[in-house]
Structures are given as C-alpha cells and as structure tokens.
Amino acid sequence: GIIGLDLYLNNQGAAAITVSINGQPPITVAAGAVYAISSTKFWLIQVVAAVNYDLQLSGIRYSTLKAKGLV
C-alpha cells in the first residue's frame, strides 16, 4: 500500500469530489478548492463520490506547499 506523511488534494474539476482517507468519514472538496493535511500517515484513499476525475498521487512535503503559497 501507499504510505504518505502529507496529503495535498487540489480539486481542479468543475464539480466537488468526496474522498475517504484510511476509512475515516468522507471529506468533500469543492470545485477549485484545496484540502491539505500534514504529519499524518495514509494508506487508503477512496473516491466516494465524483462526476469525473483524474487522481494523481505524488510525494510532497507540507513545508514545500506552504513555501510556495499553495496552502
């Protein structure tokens, strides 16, 4: 499985996307919005509801996101 320490979800679509991380209650990210968490481990990201989406996972440090003004 995937293990990450920081998560950055940038919804660039035209509709909201709802995801569940590690089986926790779902989180809805509105179109054009960002959701980020730091210093957490995740191994399961499940798309619960979406109209149409592309999901790209990559490693990035939360401090890098802050330095670039993305969160």
PDB file of N, CA and C in Angstrom:
ATOM      1  N   GLY A   1       0.808  -1.186   0.000  1.00  0.00           N
ATOM      2  CA  GLY A   1       0.000   0.000   0.000  1.00  0.00           C
ATOM      3  C   GLY A   1       0.852   1.250   0.000  1.00  0.00           C
ATOM      4  N   ILE A   2       0.190   2.359  -0.125  1.00  0.00           N
ATOM      5  CA  ILE A   2       0.841   3.663  -0.141  1.00  0.00           C
ATOM      6  C   ILE A   2       0.886   4.201   1.279  1.00  0.00           C
ATOM      7  N   ILE A   3       2.024   4.720   1.667  1.00  0.00           N
ATOM      8  CA  ILE A   3       2.122   5.409   2.946  1.00  0.00           C
ATOM      9  C   ILE A   3       2.647   6.795   2.667  1.00  0.00           C
ATOM     10  N   GLY A   4       1.941   7.785   3.137  1.00  0.00           N
ATOM     11  CA  GLY A   4       2.372   9.161   2.942  1.00  0.00           C
ATOM     12  C   GLY A   4       2.386   9.888   4.269  1.00  0.00           C
ATOM     13  N   LEU A   5       3.059  11.003   4.314  1.00  0.00           N
ATOM     14  CA  LEU A   5       3.098  11.803   5.524  1.00  0.00           C
ATOM     15  C   LEU A   5       2.338  13.109   5.378  1.00  0.00           C
ATOM     16  N   ASP A   6       2.221  13.630   4.180  1.00  0.00           N
ATOM     17  CA  ASP A   6       1.456  14.843   3.908  1.00  0.00           C
ATOM     18  C   ASP A   6       0.539  14.566   2.728  1.00  0.00           C
ATOM     19  N   LEU A   7      -0.629  15.173   2.739  1.00  0.00           N
ATOM     20  CA  LEU A   7      -1.593  14.975   1.658  1.00  0.00           C
ATOM     21  C   LEU A   7      -2.049  16.329   1.148  1.00  0.00           C
ATOM     22  N   TYR A   8      -2.046  16.500  -0.163  1.00  0.00           N
ATOM     23  CA  TYR A   8      -2.483  17.737  -0.815  1.00  0.00           C
ATOM     24  C   TYR A   8      -3.450  17.344  -1.914  1.00  0.00           C
ATOM     25  N   LEU A   9      -4.707  17.732  -1.768  1.00  0.00           N
ATOM     26  CA  LEU A   9      -5.725  17.411  -2.759  1.00  0.00           C
ATOM     27  C   LEU A   9      -6.202  18.729  -3.363  1.00  0.00           C
ATOM     28  N   ASN A  10      -5.887  18.949  -4.618  1.00  0.00           N
ATOM     29  CA  ASN A  10      -6.261  20.164  -5.341  1.00  0.00           C
ATOM     30  C   ASN A  10      -7.324  19.778  -6.361  1.00  0.00           C
ATOM     31  N   ASN A  11      -8.561  20.145  -6.093  1.00  0.00           N
ATOM     32  CA  ASN A  11      -9.664  19.789  -6.988  1.00  0.00           C
ATOM     33  C   ASN A  11      -9.760  20.833  -8.092  1.00  0.00           C
ATOM     34  N   GLN A  12      -9.248  20.513  -9.257  1.00  0.00           N
ATOM     35  CA  GLN A  12      -9.275  21.426 -10.393  1.00  0.00           C
ATOM     36  C   GLN A  12     -10.461  21.155 -11.312  1.00  0.00           C
ATOM     37  N   GLY A  13     -11.349  20.279 -10.884  1.00  0.00           N
ATOM     38  CA  GLY A  13     -12.502  19.927 -11.705  1.00  0.00           C
ATOM     39  C   GLY A  13     -13.635  20.937 -11.586  1.00  0.00           C
ATOM     40  N   ALA A  14     -14.729  20.652 -12.284  1.00  0.00           N
ATOM     41  CA  ALA A  14     -15.896  21.532 -12.294  1.00  0.00           C
ATOM     42  C   ALA A  14     -16.925  21.132 -11.240  1.00  0.00           C
ATOM     43  N   ALA A  15     -16.694  20.026 -10.538  1.00  0.00           N
ATOM     44  CA  ALA A  15     -17.634  19.550  -9.522  1.00  0.00           C
ATOM     45  C   ALA A  15     -16.865  19.114  -8.279  1.00  0.00           C
ATOM     46  N   ALA A  16     -17.579  19.023  -7.175  1.00  0.00           N
ATOM     47  CA  ALA A  16     -16.968  18.581  -5.923  1.00  0.00           C
ATOM     48  C   ALA A  16     -16.534  17.122  -6.024  1.00  0.00           C
ATOM     49  N   ILE A  17     -15.555  16.754  -5.210  1.00  0.00           N
ATOM     50  CA  ILE A  17     -15.120  15.362  -5.105  1.00  0.00           C
ATOM     51  C   ILE A  17     -15.120  14.995  -3.622  1.00  0.00           C
ATOM     52  N   THR A  18     -15.591  13.811  -3.309  1.00  0.00           N
ATOM     53  CA  THR A  18     -15.632  13.342  -1.930  1.00  0.00           C
ATOM     54  C   THR A  18     -14.721  12.135  -1.806  1.00  0.00           C
ATOM     55  N   VAL A  19     -13.807  12.198  -0.842  1.00  0.00           N
ATOM     56  CA  VAL A  19     -12.854  11.115  -0.632  1.00  0.00           C
ATOM     57  C   VAL A  19     -12.885  10.680   0.826  1.00  0.00           C
ATOM     58  N   SER A  20     -12.509   9.446   1.031  1.00  0.00           N
ATOM     59  CA  SER A  20     -12.337   8.906   2.372  1.00  0.00           C
ATOM     60  C   SER A  20     -10.875   8.510   2.511  1.00  0.00           C
ATOM     61  N   ILE A  21     -10.263   8.910   3.594  1.00  0.00           N
ATOM     62  CA  ILE A  21      -8.846   8.622   3.833  1.00  0.00           C
ATOM     63  C   ILE A  21      -8.749   7.646   4.994  1.00  0.00           C
ATOM     64  N   ASN A  22      -8.167   6.485   4.743  1.00  0.00           N
ATOM     65  CA  ASN A  22      -7.995   5.439   5.753  1.00  0.00           C
ATOM     66  C   ASN A  22      -9.315   4.999   6.380  1.00  0.00           C
ATOM     67  N   GLY A  23     -10.402   5.048   5.611  1.00  0.00           N
ATOM     68  CA  GLY A  23     -11.691   4.595   6.117  1.00  0.00           C
ATOM     69  C   GLY A  23     -12.374   5.573   7.065  1.00  0.00           C
ATOM     70  N   GLN A  24     -11.843   6.770   7.209  1.00  0.00           N
ATOM     71  CA  GLN A  24     -12.441   7.793   8.072  1.00  0.00           C
ATOM     72  C   GLN A  24     -13.657   8.406   7.379  1.00  0.00           C
ATOM     73  N   PRO A  25     -14.433   9.217   8.109  1.00  0.00           N
ATOM     74  CA  PRO A  25     -15.588   9.867   7.474  1.00  0.00           C
ATOM     75  C   PRO A  25     -15.160  10.656   6.234  1.00  0.00           C
ATOM     76  N   PRO A  26     -15.994  10.662   5.215  1.00  0.00           N
ATOM     77  CA  PRO A  26     -15.647  11.311   3.949  1.00  0.00           C
ATOM     78  C   PRO A  26     -15.429  12.819   4.086  1.00  0.00           C
ATOM     79  N   ILE A  27     -14.578  13.334   3.224  1.00  0.00           N
ATOM     80  CA  ILE A  27     -14.268  14.759   3.139  1.00  0.00           C
ATOM     81  C   ILE A  27     -14.648  15.207   1.734  1.00  0.00           C
ATOM     82  N   THR A  28     -15.427  16.272   1.634  1.00  0.00           N
ATOM     83  CA  THR A  28     -15.806  16.811   0.331  1.00  0.00           C
ATOM     84  C   THR A  28     -14.978  18.049   0.037  1.00  0.00           C
ATOM     85  N   VAL A  29     -14.352  18.054  -1.129  1.00  0.00           N
ATOM     86  CA  VAL A  29     -13.543  19.185  -1.572  1.00  0.00           C
ATOM     87  C   VAL A  29     -14.269  19.816  -2.755  1.00  0.00           C
ATOM     88  N   ALA A  30     -14.663  21.067  -2.591  1.00  0.00           N
ATOM     89  CA  ALA A  30     -15.416  21.771  -3.631  1.00  0.00           C
ATOM     90  C   ALA A  30     -14.563  21.986  -4.876  1.00  0.00           C
ATOM     91  N   ALA A  31     -15.225  22.220  -5.991  1.00  0.00           N
ATOM     92  CA  ALA A  31     -14.518  22.524  -7.239  1.00  0.00           C
ATOM     93  C   ALA A  31     -13.650  23.760  -7.034  1.00  0.00           C
ATOM     94  N   GLY A  32     -12.400  23.671  -7.442  1.00  0.00           N
ATOM     95  CA  GLY A  32     -11.467  24.782  -7.314  1.00  0.00           C
ATOM     96  C   GLY A  32     -10.865  24.948  -5.932  1.00  0.00           C
ATOM     97  N   ALA A  33     -11.192  24.050  -5.002  1.00  0.00           N
ATOM     98  CA  ALA A  33     -10.691  24.159  -3.631  1.00  0.00           C
ATOM     99  C   ALA A  33      -9.527  23.206  -3.388  1.00  0.00           C
ATOM    100  N   VAL A  34      -8.865  23.419  -2.259  1.00  0.00           N
ATOM    101  CA  VAL A  34      -7.709  22.616  -1.862  1.00  0.00           C
ATOM    102  C   VAL A  34      -7.959  22.048  -0.473  1.00  0.00           C
ATOM    103  N   TYR A  35      -7.517  20.815  -0.249  1.00  0.00           N
ATOM    104  CA  TYR A  35      -7.531  20.203   1.078  1.00  0.00           C
ATOM    105  C   TYR A  35      -6.133  19.675   1.334  1.00  0.00           C
ATOM    106  N   ALA A  36      -5.567  20.018   2.481  1.00  0.00           N
ATOM    107  CA  ALA A  36      -4.213  19.561   2.803  1.00  0.00           C
ATOM    108  C   ALA A  36      -4.136  19.191   4.275  1.00  0.00           C
ATOM    109  N   ILE A  37      -3.393  18.132   4.559  1.00  0.00           N
ATOM    110  CA  ILE A  37      -3.094  17.758   5.938  1.00  0.00           C
ATOM    111  C   ILE A  37      -1.618  17.414   6.004  1.00  0.00           C
ATOM    112  N   SER A  38      -1.042  17.624   7.176  1.00  0.00           N
ATOM    113  CA  SER A  38       0.385  17.345   7.323  1.00  0.00           C
ATOM    114  C   SER A  38       0.621  16.403   8.496  1.00  0.00           C
ATOM    115  N   SER A  39       1.764  15.763   8.463  1.00  0.00           N
ATOM    116  CA  SER A  39       2.221  14.872   9.533  1.00  0.00           C
ATOM    117  C   SER A  39       1.195  13.799   9.866  1.00  0.00           C
ATOM    118  N   THR A  40       0.674  13.162   8.851  1.00  0.00           N
ATOM    119  CA  THR A  40      -0.264  12.067   9.045  1.00  0.00           C
ATOM    120  C   THR A  40       0.129  10.924   8.120  1.00  0.00           C
ATOM    121  N   LYS A  41      -0.240   9.730   8.477  1.00  0.00           N
ATOM    122  CA  LYS A  41       0.023   8.585   7.606  1.00  0.00           C
ATOM    123  C   LYS A  41      -1.279   8.195   6.926  1.00  0.00           C
ATOM    124  N   PHE A  42      -1.202   7.979   5.634  1.00  0.00           N
ATOM    125  CA  PHE A  42      -2.381   7.486   4.924  1.00  0.00           C
ATOM    126  C   PHE A  42      -1.957   6.342   4.027  1.00  0.00           C
ATOM    127  N   TRP A  43      -2.830   5.382   3.882  1.00  0.00           N
ATOM    128  CA  TRP A  43      -2.527   4.213   3.055  1.00  0.00           C
ATOM    129  C   TRP A  43      -3.699   3.841   2.157  1.00  0.00           C
ATOM    130  N   LEU A  44      -4.852   4.463   2.388  1.00  0.00           N
ATOM    131  CA  LEU A  44      -6.016   4.166   1.562  1.00  0.00           C
ATOM    132  C   LEU A  44      -6.764   5.461   1.273  1.00  0.00           C
ATOM    133  N   ILE A  45      -6.848   5.808   0.008  1.00  0.00           N
ATOM    134  CA  ILE A  45      -7.655   6.950  -0.415  1.00  0.00           C
ATOM    135  C   ILE A  45      -8.732   6.394  -1.337  1.00  0.00           C
ATOM    136  N   GLN A  46      -9.975   6.546  -0.926  1.00  0.00           N
ATOM    137  CA  GLN A  46     -11.095   6.020  -1.702  1.00  0.00           C
ATOM    138  C   GLN A  46     -11.951   7.184  -2.190  1.00  0.00           C
ATOM    139  N   VAL A  47     -12.200   7.236  -3.492  1.00  0.00           N
ATOM    140  CA  VAL A  47     -13.102   8.237  -4.045  1.00  0.00           C
ATOM    141  C   VAL A  47     -14.522   7.749  -3.784  1.00  0.00           C
ATOM    142  N   VAL A  48     -15.260   8.500  -2.982  1.00  0.00           N
ATOM    143  CA  VAL A  48     -16.608   8.116  -2.584  1.00  0.00           C
ATOM    144  C   VAL A  48     -17.637   8.645  -3.578  1.00  0.00           C
ATOM    145  N   ALA A  49     -17.455   9.882  -4.026  1.00  0.00           N
ATOM    146  CA  ALA A  49     -18.396  10.483  -4.972  1.00  0.00           C
ATOM    147  C   ALA A  49     -17.670  11.484  -5.856  1.00  0.00           C
ATOM    148  N   ALA A  50     -17.885  11.363  -7.145  1.00  0.00           N
ATOM    149  CA  ALA A  50     -17.297  12.295  -8.110  1.00  0.00           C
ATOM    150  C   ALA A  50     -18.021  12.127  -9.432  1.00  0.00           C
ATOM    151  N   VAL A  51     -18.067  13.192 -10.200  1.00  0.00           N
ATOM    152  CA  VAL A  51     -18.676  13.126 -11.524  1.00  0.00           C
ATOM    153  C   VAL A  51     -17.678  12.547 -12.511  1.00  0.00           C
ATOM    154  N   ASN A  52     -16.510  13.099 -12.554  1.00  0.00           N
ATOM    155  CA  ASN A  52     -15.439  12.671 -13.455  1.00  0.00           C
ATOM    156  C   ASN A  52     -14.139  13.166 -12.842  1.00  0.00           C
ATOM    157  N   TYR A  53     -13.129  12.316 -12.735  1.00  0.00           N
ATOM    158  CA  TYR A  53     -11.922  12.762 -12.052  1.00  0.00           C
ATOM    159  C   TYR A  53     -10.683  12.053 -12.573  1.00  0.00           C
ATOM    160  N   ASP A  54      -9.557  12.700 -12.372  1.00  0.00           N
ATOM    161  CA  ASP A  54      -8.226  12.113 -12.525  1.00  0.00           C
ATOM    162  C   ASP A  54      -7.574  12.242 -11.163  1.00  0.00           C
ATOM    163  N   LEU A  55      -6.996  11.176 -10.656  1.00  0.00           N
ATOM    164  CA  LEU A  55      -6.352  11.214  -9.349  1.00  0.00           C
ATOM    165  C   LEU A  55      -4.875  10.936  -9.530  1.00  0.00           C
ATOM    166  N   GLN A  56      -4.055  11.867  -9.110  1.00  0.00           N
ATOM    167  CA  GLN A  56      -2.604  11.716  -9.211  1.00  0.00           C
ATOM    168  C   GLN A  56      -2.025  11.789  -7.810  1.00  0.00           C
ATOM    169  N   LEU A  57      -1.252  10.798  -7.441  1.00  0.00           N
ATOM    170  CA  LEU A  57      -0.606  10.772  -6.136  1.00  0.00           C
ATOM    171  C   LEU A  57       0.886  10.964  -6.313  1.00  0.00           C
ATOM    172  N   SER A  58       1.431  11.814  -5.481  1.00  0.00           N
ATOM    173  CA  SER A  58       2.881  12.010  -5.510  1.00  0.00           C
ATOM    174  C   SER A  58       3.327  12.475  -4.137  1.00  0.00           C
ATOM    175  N   GLY A  59       4.587  12.341  -3.876  1.00  0.00           N
ATOM    176  CA  GLY A  59       5.129  12.764  -2.592  1.00  0.00           C
ATOM    177  C   GLY A  59       5.519  14.231  -2.613  1.00  0.00           C
ATOM    178  N   ILE A  60       5.074  14.960  -1.608  1.00  0.00           N
ATOM    179  CA  ILE A  60       5.464  16.357  -1.460  1.00  0.00           C
ATOM    180  C   ILE A  60       5.397  16.714   0.020  1.00  0.00           C
ATOM    181  N   ARG A  61       6.323  17.515   0.462  1.00  0.00           N
ATOM    182  CA  ARG A  61       6.352  17.911   1.863  1.00  0.00           C
ATOM    183  C   ARG A  61       5.433  19.107   2.087  1.00  0.00           C
ATOM    184  N   TYR A  62       4.735  19.078   3.205  1.00  0.00           N
ATOM    185  CA  TYR A  62       3.812  20.163   3.544  1.00  0.00           C
ATOM    186  C   TYR A  62       4.544  21.499   3.614  1.00  0.00           C
ATOM    187  N   SER A  63       5.751  21.498   4.145  1.00  0.00           N
ATOM    188  CA  SER A  63       6.527  22.743   4.238  1.00  0.00           C
ATOM    189  C   SER A  63       6.805  23.323   2.851  1.00  0.00           C
ATOM    190  N   THR A  64       6.972  22.468   1.858  1.00  0.00           N
ATOM    191  CA  THR A  64       7.169  22.932   0.476  1.00  0.00           C
ATOM    192  C   THR A  64       5.900  23.599  -0.039  1.00  0.00           C
ATOM    193  N   LEU A  65       4.746  23.004   0.245  1.00  0.00           N
ATOM    194  CA  LEU A  65       3.473  23.598  -0.164  1.00  0.00           C
ATOM    195  C   LEU A  65       3.293  24.980   0.456  1.00  0.00           C
ATOM    196  N   LYS A  66       3.611  25.096   1.753  1.00  0.00           N
ATOM    197  CA  LYS A  66       3.477  26.386   2.433  1.00  0.00           C
ATOM    198  C   LYS A  66       4.423  27.416   1.833  1.00  0.00           C
ATOM    199  N   ALA A  67       5.644  27.012   1.548  1.00  0.00           N
ATOM    200  CA  ALA A  67       6.632  27.939   0.988  1.00  0.00           C
ATOM    201  C   ALA A  67       6.195  28.464  -0.377  1.00  0.00           C
ATOM    202  N   LYS A  68       5.476  27.653  -1.128  1.00  0.00           N
ATOM    203  CA  LYS A  68       5.004  28.056  -2.452  1.00  0.00           C
ATOM    204  C   LYS A  68       3.642  28.743  -2.401  1.00  0.00           C
ATOM    205  N   GLY A  69       3.073  28.881  -1.195  1.00  0.00           N
ATOM    206  CA  GLY A  69       1.788  29.548  -1.042  1.00  0.00           C
ATOM    207  C   GLY A  69       0.605  28.734  -1.520  1.00  0.00           C
ATOM    208  N   LEU A  70       0.739  27.415  -1.551  1.00  0.00           N
ATOM    209  CA  LEU A  70      -0.334  26.553  -2.051  1.00  0.00           C
ATOM    210  C   LEU A  70      -1.325  26.145  -0.969  1.00  0.00           C
ATOM    211  N   VAL A  71      -0.986  26.352   0.290  1.00  0.00           N
ATOM    212  CA  VAL A  71      -1.909  26.061   1.397  1.00  0.00           C
ATOM    213  C   VAL A  71      -1.909  27.204   2.374  1.00  0.00           C
TER     214      VAL A  71
END
